[in-house]
PDB file of all heavy atoms in Angstrom:
ATOM      1  N   VAL A   1      35.927  43.762  51.605  1.00  0.00           N
ATOM      2  CA  VAL A   1      35.777  42.420  51.050  1.00  0.00           C
ATOM      3  C   VAL A   1      36.315  41.403  52.053  1.00  0.00           C
ATOM      4  O   VAL A   1      37.333  41.632  52.703  1.00  0.00           O
ATOM      5  CB  VAL A   1      36.522  42.301  49.703  1.00  0.00           C
ATOM      6  CG1 VAL A   1      36.376  40.899  49.130  1.00  0.00           C
ATOM      7  CG2 VAL A   1      36.002  43.336  48.723  1.00  0.00           C
ATOM      8  N   SER A   2      35.633  40.288  52.176  1.00  0.00           N
ATOM      9  CA  SER A   2      36.058  39.238  53.104  1.00  0.00           C
ATOM     10  C   SER A   2      37.474  38.769  52.785  1.00  0.00           C
ATOM     11  O   SER A   2      37.864  38.646  51.614  1.00  0.00           O
ATOM     12  CB  SER A   2      35.087  38.056  53.024  1.00  0.00           C
ATOM     13  OG  SER A   2      35.605  36.935  53.705  1.00  0.00           O
ATOM     14  N   MET A   3      38.254  38.490  53.837  1.00  0.00           N
ATOM     15  CA  MET A   3      39.614  37.989  53.649  1.00  0.00           C
ATOM     16  C   MET A   3      39.610  36.649  52.936  1.00  0.00           C
ATOM     17  O   MET A   3      40.549  36.319  52.207  1.00  0.00           O
ATOM     18  CB  MET A   3      40.302  37.856  55.019  1.00  0.00           C
ATOM     19  CG  MET A   3      41.794  37.630  54.935  1.00  0.00           C
ATOM     20  SD  MET A   3      42.646  39.049  54.201  1.00  0.00           S
ATOM     21  CE  MET A   3      44.325  38.426  54.067  1.00  0.00           C
ATOM     22  N   VAL A   4      38.544  35.878  53.112  1.00  0.00           N
ATOM     23  CA  VAL A   4      38.416  34.596  52.407  1.00  0.00           C
ATOM     24  C   VAL A   4      38.342  34.842  50.903  1.00  0.00           C
ATOM     25  O   VAL A   4      39.017  34.177  50.110  1.00  0.00           O
ATOM     26  CB  VAL A   4      37.174  33.832  52.899  1.00  0.00           C
ATOM     27  CG1 VAL A   4      36.961  32.566  52.075  1.00  0.00           C
ATOM     28  CG2 VAL A   4      37.298  33.492  54.372  1.00  0.00           C
ATOM     29  N   VAL A   5      37.516  35.815  50.510  1.00  0.00           N
ATOM     30  CA  VAL A   5      37.356  36.126  49.088  1.00  0.00           C
ATOM     31  C   VAL A   5      38.667  36.648  48.507  1.00  0.00           C
ATOM     32  O   VAL A   5      39.097  36.228  47.419  1.00  0.00           O
ATOM     33  CB  VAL A   5      36.230  37.157  48.895  1.00  0.00           C
ATOM     34  CG1 VAL A   5      36.132  37.582  47.437  1.00  0.00           C
ATOM     35  CG2 VAL A   5      34.903  36.587  49.370  1.00  0.00           C
ATOM     36  N   MET A   6      39.324  37.561  49.224  1.00  0.00           N
ATOM     37  CA  MET A   6      40.589  38.107  48.739  1.00  0.00           C
ATOM     38  C   MET A   6      41.646  37.022  48.609  1.00  0.00           C
ATOM     39  O   MET A   6      42.426  37.009  47.646  1.00  0.00           O
ATOM     40  CB  MET A   6      41.074  39.210  49.680  1.00  0.00           C
ATOM     41  CG  MET A   6      40.214  40.459  49.688  1.00  0.00           C
ATOM     42  SD  MET A   6      40.104  41.266  48.068  1.00  0.00           S
ATOM     43  CE  MET A   6      41.817  41.716  47.788  1.00  0.00           C
ATOM     44  N   SER A   7      41.685  36.101  49.562  1.00  0.00           N
ATOM     45  CA  SER A   7      42.655  35.000  49.505  1.00  0.00           C
ATOM     46  C   SER A   7      42.386  34.089  48.307  1.00  0.00           C
ATOM     47  O   SER A   7      43.322  33.624  47.651  1.00  0.00           O
ATOM     48  CB  SER A   7      42.610  34.191  50.802  1.00  0.00           C
ATOM     49  OG  SER A   7      42.962  34.985  51.905  1.00  0.00           O
ATOM     50  N   MET A   8      41.108  33.857  48.010  1.00  0.00           N
ATOM     51  CA  MET A   8      40.767  33.022  46.851  1.00  0.00           C
ATOM     52  C   MET A   8      41.154  33.715  45.550  1.00  0.00           C
ATOM     53  O   MET A   8      41.626  33.070  44.605  1.00  0.00           O
ATOM     54  CB  MET A   8      39.270  32.712  46.876  1.00  0.00           C
ATOM     55  CG  MET A   8      38.841  31.811  48.034  1.00  0.00           C
ATOM     56  SD  MET A   8      37.059  31.535  48.108  1.00  0.00           S
ATOM     57  CE  MET A   8      36.813  30.594  46.599  1.00  0.00           C
ATOM     58  N   VAL A   9      40.984  35.038  45.504  1.00  0.00           N
ATOM     59  CA  VAL A   9      41.384  35.788  44.304  1.00  0.00           C
ATOM     60  C   VAL A   9      42.893  35.687  44.105  1.00  0.00           C
ATOM     61  O   VAL A   9      43.372  35.410  42.994  1.00  0.00           O
ATOM     62  CB  VAL A   9      40.946  37.260  44.422  1.00  0.00           C
ATOM     63  CG1 VAL A   9      41.561  38.095  43.306  1.00  0.00           C
ATOM     64  CG2 VAL A   9      39.432  37.368  44.399  1.00  0.00           C
ATOM     65  N   TRP A  10      43.644  35.903  45.183  1.00  0.00           N
ATOM     66  CA  TRP A  10      45.100  35.816  45.075  1.00  0.00           C
ATOM     67  C   TRP A  10      45.549  34.382  44.789  1.00  0.00           C
ATOM     68  O   TRP A  10      46.548  34.175  44.089  1.00  0.00           O
ATOM     69  CB  TRP A  10      45.747  36.326  46.352  1.00  0.00           C
ATOM     70  CG  TRP A  10      45.811  37.821  46.414  1.00  0.00           C
ATOM     71  CD1 TRP A  10      45.019  38.657  47.141  1.00  0.00           C
ATOM     72  CD2 TRP A  10      46.719  38.666  45.691  1.00  0.00           C
ATOM     73  NE1 TRP A  10      45.367  39.967  46.923  1.00  0.00           N
ATOM     74  CE2 TRP A  10      46.407  40.009  46.047  1.00  0.00           C
ATOM     75  CE3 TRP A  10      47.749  38.426  44.796  1.00  0.00           C
ATOM     76  CZ2 TRP A  10      47.096  41.082  45.518  1.00  0.00           C
ATOM     77  CZ3 TRP A  10      48.449  39.509  44.277  1.00  0.00           C
ATOM     78  CH2 TRP A  10      48.119  40.813  44.637  1.00  0.00           C
ATOM     79  N   SER A  11      44.823  33.405  45.296  1.00  0.00           N
ATOM     80  CA  SER A  11      45.152  32.004  45.004  1.00  0.00           C
ATOM     81  C   SER A  11      45.009  31.729  43.510  1.00  0.00           C
ATOM     82  O   SER A  11      45.839  31.026  42.916  1.00  0.00           O
ATOM     83  CB  SER A  11      44.238  31.071  45.802  1.00  0.00           C
ATOM     84  OG  SER A  11      44.513  29.718  45.506  1.00  0.00           O
ATOM     85  N   PHE A  12      43.968  32.296  42.909  1.00  0.00           N
ATOM     86  CA  PHE A  12      43.794  32.140  41.461  1.00  0.00           C
ATOM     87  C   PHE A  12      44.917  32.845  40.696  1.00  0.00           C
ATOM     88  O   PHE A  12      45.482  32.305  39.738  1.00  0.00           O
ATOM     89  CB  PHE A  12      42.435  32.694  41.034  1.00  0.00           C
ATOM     90  CG  PHE A  12      42.311  32.919  39.558  1.00  0.00           C
ATOM     91  CD1 PHE A  12      42.192  31.837  38.689  1.00  0.00           C
ATOM     92  CD2 PHE A  12      42.344  34.195  39.013  1.00  0.00           C
ATOM     93  CE1 PHE A  12      42.102  32.037  37.318  1.00  0.00           C
ATOM     94  CE2 PHE A  12      42.247  34.409  37.657  1.00  0.00           C
ATOM     95  CZ  PHE A  12      42.125  33.319  36.797  1.00  0.00           C
ATOM     96  N   LEU A  13      45.250  34.055  41.111  1.00  0.00           N
ATOM     97  CA  LEU A  13      46.283  34.815  40.413  1.00  0.00           C
ATOM     98  C   LEU A  13      47.647  34.136  40.505  1.00  0.00           C
ATOM     99  O   LEU A  13      48.436  34.176  39.550  1.00  0.00           O
ATOM    100  CB  LEU A  13      46.378  36.231  41.001  1.00  0.00           C
ATOM    101  CG  LEU A  13      45.184  37.155  40.778  1.00  0.00           C
ATOM    102  CD1 LEU A  13      45.373  38.456  41.541  1.00  0.00           C
ATOM    103  CD2 LEU A  13      44.993  37.435  39.291  1.00  0.00           C
ATOM    104  N   LEU A  14      47.948  33.520  41.650  1.00  0.00           N
ATOM    105  CA  LEU A  14      49.277  32.969  41.902  1.00  0.00           C
ATOM    106  C   LEU A  14      49.392  31.481  41.588  1.00  0.00           C
ATOM    107  O   LEU A  14      50.473  30.907  41.744  1.00  0.00           O
ATOM    108  CB  LEU A  14      49.652  33.190  43.375  1.00  0.00           C
ATOM    109  CG  LEU A  14      49.783  34.656  43.811  1.00  0.00           C
ATOM    110  CD1 LEU A  14      49.859  34.762  45.325  1.00  0.00           C
ATOM    111  CD2 LEU A  14      51.017  35.287  43.182  1.00  0.00           C
ATOM    112  N   SER A  15      48.313  30.856  41.160  1.00  0.00           N
ATOM    113  CA  SER A  15      48.354  29.421  40.860  1.00  0.00           C
ATOM    114  C   SER A  15      49.355  29.131  39.744  1.00  0.00           C
ATOM    115  O   SER A  15      49.285  29.737  38.671  1.00  0.00           O
ATOM    116  CB  SER A  15      46.962  28.940  40.443  1.00  0.00           C
ATOM    117  OG  SER A  15      47.023  27.600  39.985  1.00  0.00           O
ATOM    118  N   PRO A  16      50.290  28.184  39.965  1.00  0.00           N
ATOM    119  CA  PRO A  16      51.282  27.896  38.919  1.00  0.00           C
ATOM    120  C   PRO A  16      50.684  27.170  37.712  1.00  0.00           C
ATOM    121  O   PRO A  16      51.255  27.212  36.617  1.00  0.00           O
ATOM    122  CB  PRO A  16      52.293  26.998  39.647  1.00  0.00           C
ATOM    123  CG  PRO A  16      51.521  26.382  40.762  1.00  0.00           C
ATOM    124  CD  PRO A  16      50.510  27.392  41.186  1.00  0.00           C
ATOM    125  N   ALA A  17      49.535  26.522  37.869  1.00  0.00           N
ATOM    126  CA  ALA A  17      48.944  25.761  36.776  1.00  0.00           C
ATOM    127  C   ALA A  17      48.133  26.651  35.839  1.00  0.00           C
ATOM    128  O   ALA A  17      48.355  26.647  34.620  1.00  0.00           O
ATOM    129  CB  ALA A  17      48.066  24.638  37.339  1.00  0.00           C
ATOM    130  N   ASN A  18      47.181  27.399  36.397  1.00  0.00           N
ATOM    131  CA  ASN A  18      46.300  28.212  35.543  1.00  0.00           C
ATOM    132  C   ASN A  18      46.123  29.634  36.044  1.00  0.00           C
ATOM    133  O   ASN A  18      45.158  30.307  35.701  1.00  0.00           O
ATOM    134  CB  ASN A  18      44.917  27.543  35.437  1.00  0.00           C
ATOM    135  CG  ASN A  18      44.336  27.240  36.810  1.00  0.00           C
ATOM    136  OD1 ASN A  18      44.852  27.702  37.827  1.00  0.00           O
ATOM    137  ND2 ASN A  18      43.280  26.447  36.849  1.00  0.00           N
ATOM    138  N   GLY A  19      47.045  30.112  36.855  1.00  0.00           N
ATOM    139  CA  GLY A  19      46.948  31.470  37.381  1.00  0.00           C
ATOM    140  C   GLY A  19      47.312  32.517  36.354  1.00  0.00           C
ATOM    141  O   GLY A  19      48.022  32.242  35.367  1.00  0.00           O
ATOM    142  N   LEU A  20      46.826  33.711  36.564  1.00  0.00           N
ATOM    143  CA  LEU A  20      47.052  34.801  35.617  1.00  0.00           C
ATOM    144  C   LEU A  20      48.526  35.157  35.520  1.00  0.00           C
ATOM    145  O   LEU A  20      49.037  35.451  34.430  1.00  0.00           O
ATOM    146  CB  LEU A  20      46.240  36.027  36.048  1.00  0.00           C
ATOM    147  CG  LEU A  20      46.236  37.222  35.091  1.00  0.00           C
ATOM    148  CD1 LEU A  20      45.629  36.821  33.748  1.00  0.00           C
ATOM    149  CD2 LEU A  20      45.457  38.381  35.693  1.00  0.00           C
ATOM    150  N   ILE A  21      49.238  35.140  36.642  1.00  0.00           N
ATOM    151  CA  ILE A  21      50.664  35.484  36.636  1.00  0.00           C
ATOM    152  C   ILE A  21      51.467  34.435  35.864  1.00  0.00           C
ATOM    153  O   ILE A  21      52.343  34.771  35.057  1.00  0.00           O
ATOM    154  CB  ILE A  21      51.186  35.622  38.081  1.00  0.00           C
ATOM    155  CG1 ILE A  21      50.497  36.804  38.773  1.00  0.00           C
ATOM    156  CG2 ILE A  21      52.703  35.800  38.109  1.00  0.00           C
ATOM    157  CD1 ILE A  21      50.864  36.979  40.223  1.00  0.00           C
ATOM    158  N   SER A  22      51.161  33.157  36.093  1.00  0.00           N
ATOM    159  CA  SER A  22      51.852  32.091  35.357  1.00  0.00           C
ATOM    160  C   SER A  22      51.521  32.151  33.867  1.00  0.00           C
ATOM    161  O   SER A  22      52.390  31.898  33.013  1.00  0.00           O
ATOM    162  CB  SER A  22      51.455  30.728  35.926  1.00  0.00           C
ATOM    163  OG  SER A  22      51.899  30.587  37.248  1.00  0.00           O
ATOM    164  N   TYR A  23      50.289  32.479  33.542  1.00  0.00           N
ATOM    165  CA  TYR A  23      49.891  32.598  32.129  1.00  0.00           C
ATOM    166  C   TYR A  23      50.681  33.714  31.446  1.00  0.00           C
ATOM    167  O   TYR A  23      51.182  33.532  30.330  1.00  0.00           O
ATOM    168  CB  TYR A  23      48.393  32.881  32.045  1.00  0.00           C
ATOM    169  CG  TYR A  23      47.915  33.218  30.649  1.00  0.00           C
ATOM    170  CD1 TYR A  23      47.737  32.220  29.695  1.00  0.00           C
ATOM    171  CD2 TYR A  23      47.665  34.551  30.283  1.00  0.00           C
ATOM    172  CE1 TYR A  23      47.311  32.535  28.416  1.00  0.00           C
ATOM    173  CE2 TYR A  23      47.248  34.873  29.008  1.00  0.00           C
ATOM    174  CZ  TYR A  23      47.070  33.857  28.077  1.00  0.00           C
ATOM    175  OH  TYR A  23      46.658  34.168  26.806  1.00  0.00           O
ATOM    176  N   ALA A  24      50.815  34.868  32.142  1.00  0.00           N
ATOM    177  CA  ALA A  24      51.579  35.973  31.569  1.00  0.00           C
ATOM    178  C   ALA A  24      53.042  35.585  31.393  1.00  0.00           C
ATOM    179  O   ALA A  24      53.676  35.941  30.384  1.00  0.00           O
ATOM    180  CB  ALA A  24      51.462  37.203  32.466  1.00  0.00           C
ATOM    181  N   ALA A  25      53.575  34.815  32.351  1.00  0.00           N
ATOM    182  CA  ALA A  25      54.971  34.374  32.239  1.00  0.00           C
ATOM    183  C   ALA A  25      55.152  33.434  31.044  1.00  0.00           C
ATOM    184  O   ALA A  25      56.143  33.532  30.308  1.00  0.00           O
ATOM    185  CB  ALA A  25      55.395  33.682  33.535  1.00  0.00           C
ATOM    186  N   ARG A  26      54.193  32.532  30.828  1.00  0.00           N
ATOM    187  CA  ARG A  26      54.292  31.606  29.688  1.00  0.00           C
ATOM    188  C   ARG A  26      54.181  32.357  28.358  1.00  0.00           C
ATOM    189  O   ARG A  26      54.866  32.016  27.385  1.00  0.00           O
ATOM    190  CB  ARG A  26      53.199  30.544  29.780  1.00  0.00           C
ATOM    191  CG  ARG A  26      53.441  29.506  30.863  1.00  0.00           C
ATOM    192  CD  ARG A  26      52.526  28.302  30.682  1.00  0.00           C
ATOM    193  NE  ARG A  26      51.125  28.675  30.825  1.00  0.00           N
ATOM    194  CZ  ARG A  26      50.459  28.647  31.972  1.00  0.00           C
ATOM    195  NH1 ARG A  26      51.089  28.260  33.089  1.00  0.00           N
ATOM    196  NH2 ARG A  26      49.198  28.986  32.037  1.00  0.00           N
ATOM    197  N   GLU A  27      53.330  33.372  28.331  1.00  0.00           N
ATOM    198  CA  GLU A  27      53.176  34.148  27.100  1.00  0.00           C
ATOM    199  C   GLU A  27      54.455  34.900  26.753  1.00  0.00           C
ATOM    200  O   GLU A  27      54.715  35.181  25.582  1.00  0.00           O
ATOM    201  CB  GLU A  27      52.015  35.140  27.251  1.00  0.00           C
ATOM    202  CG  GLU A  27      50.642  34.496  27.253  1.00  0.00           C
ATOM    203  CD  GLU A  27      50.335  33.817  25.934  1.00  0.00           C
ATOM    204  OE1 GLU A  27      50.509  34.461  24.888  1.00  0.00           O
ATOM    205  OE2 GLU A  27      49.933  32.631  25.961  1.00  0.00           O
ATOM    206  N   MET A  28      55.243  35.226  27.766  1.00  0.00           N
ATOM    207  CA  MET A  28      56.507  35.927  27.538  1.00  0.00           C
ATOM    208  C   MET A  28      57.683  34.954  27.483  1.00  0.00           C
ATOM    209  O   MET A  28      58.837  35.352  27.568  1.00  0.00           O
ATOM    210  CB  MET A  28      56.732  36.965  28.640  1.00  0.00           C
ATOM    211  CG  MET A  28      55.736  38.112  28.619  1.00  0.00           C
ATOM    212  SD  MET A  28      56.082  39.416  29.838  1.00  0.00           S
ATOM    213  CE  MET A  28      55.738  38.537  31.364  1.00  0.00           C
ATOM    214  N   ASP A  29      57.356  33.648  27.316  1.00  0.00           N
ATOM    215  CA  ASP A  29      58.376  32.589  27.196  1.00  0.00           C
ATOM    216  C   ASP A  29      59.300  32.532  28.409  1.00  0.00           C
ATOM    217  O   ASP A  29      60.509  32.273  28.282  1.00  0.00           O
ATOM    218  CB  ASP A  29      59.207  32.789  25.919  1.00  0.00           C
ATOM    219  CG  ASP A  29      58.376  32.637  24.659  1.00  0.00           C
ATOM    220  OD1 ASP A  29      57.434  31.808  24.679  1.00  0.00           O
ATOM    221  OD2 ASP A  29      58.644  33.343  23.687  1.00  0.00           O
ATOM    222  N   LEU A  30      58.734  32.782  29.589  1.00  0.00           N
ATOM    223  CA  LEU A  30      59.497  32.674  30.823  1.00  0.00           C
ATOM    224  C   LEU A  30      59.172  31.343  31.512  1.00  0.00           C
ATOM    225  O   LEU A  30      58.241  30.638  31.132  1.00  0.00           O
ATOM    226  CB  LEU A  30      59.162  33.842  31.760  1.00  0.00           C
ATOM    227  CG  LEU A  30      59.452  35.240  31.203  1.00  0.00           C
ATOM    228  CD1 LEU A  30      58.972  36.305  32.192  1.00  0.00           C
ATOM    229  CD2 LEU A  30      60.938  35.415  30.929  1.00  0.00           C
ATOM    230  N   SER A  31      59.961  31.003  32.510  1.00  0.00           N
ATOM    231  CA  SER A  31      59.721  29.758  33.240  1.00  0.00           C
ATOM    232  C   SER A  31      58.457  29.873  34.079  1.00  0.00           C
ATOM    233  O   SER A  31      57.959  30.969  34.354  1.00  0.00           O
ATOM    234  CB  SER A  31      60.923  29.437  34.138  1.00  0.00           C
ATOM    235  OG  SER A  31      61.148  30.477  35.064  1.00  0.00           O
ATOM    236  N   VAL A  32      57.941  28.723  34.505  1.00  0.00           N
ATOM    237  CA  VAL A  32      56.726  28.697  35.314  1.00  0.00           C
ATOM    238  C   VAL A  32      56.982  29.405  36.652  1.00  0.00           C
ATOM    239  O   VAL A  32      57.985  29.155  37.320  1.00  0.00           O
ATOM    240  CB  VAL A  32      56.277  27.242  35.574  1.00  0.00           C
ATOM    241  CG1 VAL A  32      55.069  27.207  36.505  1.00  0.00           C
ATOM    242  CG2 VAL A  32      55.935  26.559  34.251  1.00  0.00           C
ATOM    243  N   VAL A  33      56.064  30.297  37.005  1.00  0.00           N
ATOM    244  CA  VAL A  33      56.200  31.053  38.243  1.00  0.00           C
ATOM    245  C   VAL A  33      55.377  30.378  39.337  1.00  0.00           C
ATOM    246  O   VAL A  33      54.158  30.254  39.223  1.00  0.00           O
ATOM    247  CB  VAL A  33      55.713  32.508  38.052  1.00  0.00           C
ATOM    248  CG1 VAL A  33      55.820  33.277  39.365  1.00  0.00           C
ATOM    249  CG2 VAL A  33      56.518  33.192  36.960  1.00  0.00           C
TER     250      VAL A  33
END
C-alpha cells in the first residue's frame, strides 16, 4: 500500500477531533488524546 494512503489512514485514526482513538477515549470517559 502506498505510504501516502497509510499516512492518511493513520492521520484519521490519530485525529484528536474525529479520530477513532480519540472517539474510543471519549467513550471511556478519558481525556482527549
